[in-house]
């Protein structure tokens, strides 16, 4: 049992997956913040285009 625990503690293959997950989470938060910042401006533009087409 002891060698199994030591081998588990030395195995770092899961660390890479966690790092990629953290990077993806950071990118997702950046995208969400950007969209929320630009959202009202885009809504105004789409409303203006919609009104000009009517």
Protein backbone atom coordinates (compact mmCIF):
# COMPACT_ATOMS: atom_id res chain seq x y z
CA UNK A 1 0.00 0.00 0.00
CA UNK A 2 2.81 2.38 0.83
CA UNK A 3 4.44 2.22 -2.65
CA UNK A 4 1.06 2.95 -4.19
CA UNK A 5 0.66 6.11 -2.09
CA UNK A 6 4.19 7.29 -2.91
CA UNK A 7 3.65 6.67 -6.62
CA UNK A 8 0.38 8.60 -6.45
CA UNK A 9 2.07 11.56 -4.72
CA UNK A 10 4.89 11.67 -7.30
CA UNK A 11 2.53 11.47 -10.30
CA UNK A 12 2.08 14.96 -11.75
CA UNK A 13 0.08 14.16 -14.87
CA UNK A 14 -3.10 15.57 -13.31
CA UNK A 15 -1.37 18.86 -12.51
CA UNK A 16 -1.21 19.74 -16.20
CA UNK A 17 -4.95 19.22 -16.61
CA UNK A 18 -5.63 21.46 -13.62
CA UNK A 19 -3.34 24.16 -15.02
CA UNK A 20 -5.15 24.06 -18.36
CA UNK A 21 -8.46 24.30 -16.53
CA UNK A 22 -7.27 27.38 -14.64
CA UNK A 23 -6.07 28.99 -17.87
CA UNK A 24 -9.40 28.26 -19.58
CA UNK A 25 -11.27 29.71 -16.59
CA UNK A 26 -9.18 32.89 -16.75
CA UNK A 27 -9.85 33.26 -20.47
CA UNK A 28 -13.57 32.68 -19.92
CA UNK A 29 -13.68 35.40 -17.25
CA UNK A 30 -11.86 37.80 -19.57
CA UNK A 31 -14.35 37.09 -22.36
CA UNK A 32 -17.32 37.55 -20.03
CA UNK A 33 -15.95 40.85 -18.71
CA UNK A 34 -15.31 42.12 -22.23
CA UNK A 35 -18.76 41.14 -23.46
CA UNK A 36 -20.42 42.77 -20.47
CA UNK A 37 -18.43 45.94 -21.09
CA UNK A 38 -19.25 46.08 -24.79
CA UNK A 39 -22.79 44.70 -24.50
CA UNK A 40 -24.68 47.96 -23.96
CA UNK A 41 -22.87 49.63 -26.86
CA UNK A 42 -23.69 46.73 -29.16
CA UNK A 43 -27.30 46.75 -28.05
CA UNK A 44 -27.54 50.44 -28.92
CA UNK A 45 -26.00 49.83 -32.35
CA UNK A 46 -28.33 46.90 -33.10
CA UNK A 47 -31.33 48.96 -32.03
CA UNK A 48 -30.25 51.80 -34.32
CA UNK A 49 -29.79 49.43 -37.25
CA UNK A 50 -33.15 47.78 -36.54
CA UNK A 51 -34.90 51.12 -36.42
CA UNK A 52 -33.29 52.29 -39.65
CA UNK A 53 -34.46 49.12 -41.44
CA UNK A 54 -38.09 49.63 -40.45
